Protein backbone atom coordinates (compact mmCIF):
# COMPACT_ATOMS: atom_id res chain seq x y z
CA MET A 1 44.21 75.67 116.36
CA ASN A 2 40.89 77.12 118.24
CA THR A 3 37.84 75.25 119.27
CA ALA A 4 35.77 76.44 116.17
CA GLU A 5 38.37 75.75 113.12
CA LEU A 6 39.03 72.35 114.75
CA LEU A 7 35.50 71.01 114.91
CA LEU A 8 34.47 72.88 111.84
CA HIS A 9 35.77 70.06 109.82
CA PRO A 10 33.24 67.30 108.08
CA VAL A 11 35.72 64.33 109.01
CA ARG A 12 36.39 65.26 112.74
CA LEU A 13 32.78 66.50 113.30
CA ARG A 14 31.88 62.99 112.45
CA ILE A 15 34.24 61.54 114.68
CA VAL A 16 32.85 63.64 117.21
CA HIS A 17 29.56 62.02 116.50
CA ALA A 18 30.71 58.51 116.07
CA VAL A 19 31.92 58.65 119.46
CA SER A 20 29.47 60.93 121.18
CA GLY A 21 27.09 58.91 123.82
CA GLY A 22 29.30 57.07 126.07
CA ARG A 23 30.77 55.55 123.17
CA GLU A 24 34.40 54.47 122.64
CA LEU A 25 35.79 53.16 119.67
CA THR A 26 38.74 51.91 117.79
CA THR A 27 40.18 53.70 115.01
CA THR A 28 39.58 50.32 113.17
CA GLN A 29 35.92 51.06 114.45
CA LEU A 30 35.96 54.45 113.10
CA CYS A 31 37.23 53.72 109.35
CA GLU A 32 34.24 51.24 109.42
CA ARG A 33 31.65 53.97 110.04
CA LEU A 34 33.54 56.34 107.76
CA PRO A 35 34.22 54.09 105.12
CA ASP A 36 34.15 56.97 102.42
CA VAL A 37 37.29 58.01 104.65
CA SER A 38 40.57 56.65 103.97
CA ARG A 39 42.29 55.07 106.89
CA VAL A 40 45.20 57.39 106.73
CA THR A 41 42.67 60.91 107.18
CA VAL A 42 40.78 58.83 110.35
CA TYR A 43 43.89 58.34 111.92
CA ARG A 44 45.28 61.63 111.33
CA GLN A 45 42.04 63.30 112.73
CA VAL A 46 41.93 61.02 115.72
CA ALA A 47 45.33 62.05 116.50
CA LEU A 48 44.81 65.71 116.19
CA LEU A 49 41.48 65.12 118.25
CA VAL A 50 43.63 63.49 120.95
CA ASP A 51 46.58 66.07 120.94
CA GLU A 52 43.63 69.16 120.94
CA GLY A 53 41.83 67.88 123.78
CA PHE A 54 38.56 66.20 122.50
CA LEU A 55 39.48 62.48 122.53
CA GLU A 56 41.10 60.21 125.14
CA VAL A 57 41.75 56.71 125.31
CA ALA A 58 39.62 54.78 127.16
CA GLY A 59 41.65 51.65 127.18
CA GLU A 60 43.86 49.64 125.43
CA GLN A 61 44.91 45.88 124.08
CA ARG A 62 47.30 43.81 122.27
CA VAL A 63 45.90 42.99 118.82
CA ARG A 64 48.64 40.79 116.35
CA GLY A 65 51.45 42.30 117.89
CA GLY A 66 50.40 45.93 118.05
CA VAL A 67 48.29 48.04 120.51
CA GLU A 68 44.57 48.94 119.54
CA ARG A 69 43.31 51.79 121.45
CA ARG A 70 39.90 52.60 122.26
CA TYR A 71 38.63 56.53 122.07
CA ARG A 72 35.94 58.28 123.76
CA LEU A 73 34.74 61.91 124.17
CA ARG A 74 36.81 64.23 127.00
CA GLN A 75 34.31 65.11 129.23
CA ASP A 76 35.90 68.26 129.59
CA ARG A 77 36.56 69.14 126.13
CA PRO A 78 36.71 72.24 124.83
CA VAL A 79 32.98 73.70 123.26
CA ILE A 80 31.93 76.32 120.52
CA ASP A 81 30.20 78.41 123.43
CA VAL A 82 28.71 81.90 122.82
CA ASP A 83 31.65 83.52 122.94
CA ALA A 84 33.75 81.56 120.49
CA ALA A 85 30.80 81.86 118.31
CA ALA A 86 30.79 85.48 118.49
CA GLU A 87 34.21 85.47 117.14
CA MET A 88 33.49 83.49 114.26
CA THR A 89 33.54 85.36 110.72
CA ILE A 90 30.30 85.22 108.55
CA ASP A 91 32.82 82.83 106.28
CA ASP A 92 33.60 81.21 109.53
CA HIS A 93 29.64 80.25 109.93
CA ARG A 94 29.28 79.45 106.20
CA ARG A 95 32.25 76.51 106.64
CA GLY A 96 30.88 75.31 109.94
CA PHE A 97 27.25 74.89 108.12
CA ALA A 98 28.34 72.73 105.35
CA ALA A 99 30.11 70.94 107.32
CA ALA A 100 27.12 70.44 109.63
CA MET A 101 25.13 69.21 106.67
CA ALA A 102 27.88 67.21 104.76
CA VAL A 103 27.69 65.13 108.44
CA LEU A 104 24.22 64.77 108.26
CA ILE A 105 24.06 63.78 104.70
CA ALA A 106 26.97 60.85 105.47
CA GLU A 107 25.34 59.93 108.44
CA PHE A 108 21.65 59.52 107.25
CA ASN A 109 23.02 57.62 103.92
CA ARG A 110 25.06 55.29 106.46
CA TYR A 111 22.03 55.03 107.75
CA LEU A 112 20.11 54.08 104.83
CA ASP A 113 22.84 51.85 103.54
CA GLY A 114 22.49 50.29 106.83
CA ASP A 115 20.69 46.69 106.85
CA GLY A 116 17.21 46.88 108.03
CA ALA A 117 16.68 50.86 107.31
CA ASP A 118 13.42 51.68 107.94
CA PRO A 119 12.67 55.20 107.99
CA VAL A 120 8.87 54.86 108.88
CA ALA A 121 9.63 52.38 111.74
CA ASP A 122 12.61 54.44 112.91
CA ARG A 123 10.63 57.48 113.01
CA VAL A 124 12.81 59.40 110.90
CA SER A 125 11.92 63.04 110.74
CA TYR A 126 13.57 65.61 108.62
CA ARG A 127 10.66 68.38 108.39
CA GLN A 128 11.28 72.04 108.14
CA GLY A 129 8.78 74.47 109.46
CA THR A 130 9.22 78.34 109.57
CA LEU A 131 8.28 79.65 113.16
CA TRP A 132 7.34 83.73 113.43
CA LEU A 133 9.22 84.25 116.72
CA SER A 134 9.45 87.44 119.07
CA PRO A 135 13.03 87.53 120.44
CA ALA A 136 11.47 86.81 123.90
CA GLU A 137 9.49 84.35 122.00
CA LEU A 138 12.77 82.69 120.55
CA ALA A 139 14.10 83.06 123.94
CA GLU A 140 11.60 81.15 125.68
CA LEU A 141 11.82 78.15 123.01
CA THR A 142 15.15 77.76 122.74
CA GLY A 143 14.86 77.69 126.90
CA ARG A 144 12.18 75.03 126.97
CA LEU A 145 14.08 72.51 124.13
CA VAL A 146 17.25 72.81 126.23
CA GLY A 147 15.34 71.70 128.70
CA VAL A 148 13.39 68.59 127.53
CA LEU A 149 17.07 67.77 125.77
CA ARG A 150 18.90 68.15 128.79
CA GLU A 151 16.37 65.39 130.61
CA VAL A 152 17.69 62.96 128.07
CA THR A 153 21.15 63.94 127.31
CA GLY A 154 22.54 61.62 130.09
CA ASN A 155 20.89 58.71 128.39
CA GLY A 156 23.64 56.06 127.70
CA PRO A 157 23.63 52.67 125.84
CA ALA A 158 21.02 50.61 127.07
CA PRO A 159 18.99 47.31 126.02
CA GLY A 160 16.14 48.70 123.84
CA ARG A 161 17.91 52.16 123.06
CA SER A 162 19.24 53.53 119.82
CA ALA A 163 21.52 56.14 119.42
CA TYR A 164 19.58 59.11 117.37
CA LEU A 165 21.38 62.09 115.74
CA LEU A 166 19.62 65.19 116.69
CA SER A 167 20.75 68.07 114.69
CA PRO A 168 18.28 71.22 115.57
CA ILE A 169 18.81 74.26 112.90
CA LEU A 170 17.26 77.44 113.73
CA PHE A 171 18.00 80.64 111.45
CA PRO A 172 16.28 83.69 110.44
CA VAL A 173 15.03 82.74 106.92
CA THR A 174 15.47 86.51 105.87
CA PRO A 175 17.70 89.23 108.22
CA THR A 176 15.92 90.37 111.54
CA GLN A 177 14.01 93.48 110.80
CA PRO A 178 11.64 95.41 113.03
CA ASN A 179 7.86 94.41 111.96
CA HIS A 180 6.33 97.24 110.15
CA GLY A 181 2.48 96.07 110.07
CA GLY A 182 2.27 92.44 109.77
CA PRO A 183 4.25 89.61 108.27
CA PRO A 184 4.76 89.61 104.63
CA ALA A 185 2.12 88.54 101.82
CA GLU A 186 4.11 85.01 101.43
CA ALA A 187 3.61 84.28 105.22
CA SER A 188 0.08 84.79 105.01
CA GLY A 189 -0.55 82.24 102.25
CA HIS A 190 -1.25 85.03 99.43
CA THR A 191 1.85 85.66 96.83
CA PRO A 192 2.74 89.40 95.77
CA ALA A 193 1.59 90.36 92.47
CA SER A 194 4.26 90.08 89.82
């Protein structure tokens, strides 16, 4: 199974999110974080992520006659890089986006269902907007965003810190085409006559 096939699955993607940021979780804790997923499915997907090199055992302890393992993300895990993304089909991208959205919905519902959820105090944001960018401007924006995020991606759990799920989504609203004479009427605040 290639990296894209492995990650573009809603349950596996949720498991990867759950153990990101330096967290170490047992399968029992993962089942608590994914209450809508059967225990058998969680155990099966954890085993697959271990076999494929995404997760590793961080520690073990004896619990009621059995061994309970804590899992964490491997630092040298495979990623969907530019080359892997280039090999994905349109349907792969469609499935990947659907998996990402399923994860966002599940995680947001988990947050809202938790004790003390306060979207205003927690500075929850799910805004959308349209940006008009040339390829050079897009490259510059992406580089700046990556730079800002790189400054905080090494942060680990600490008193006063909460884990936030950040999922930047960026895609052209219409297929990229040469610009002939300025933005379309909708973008300038006028709607075309019907």
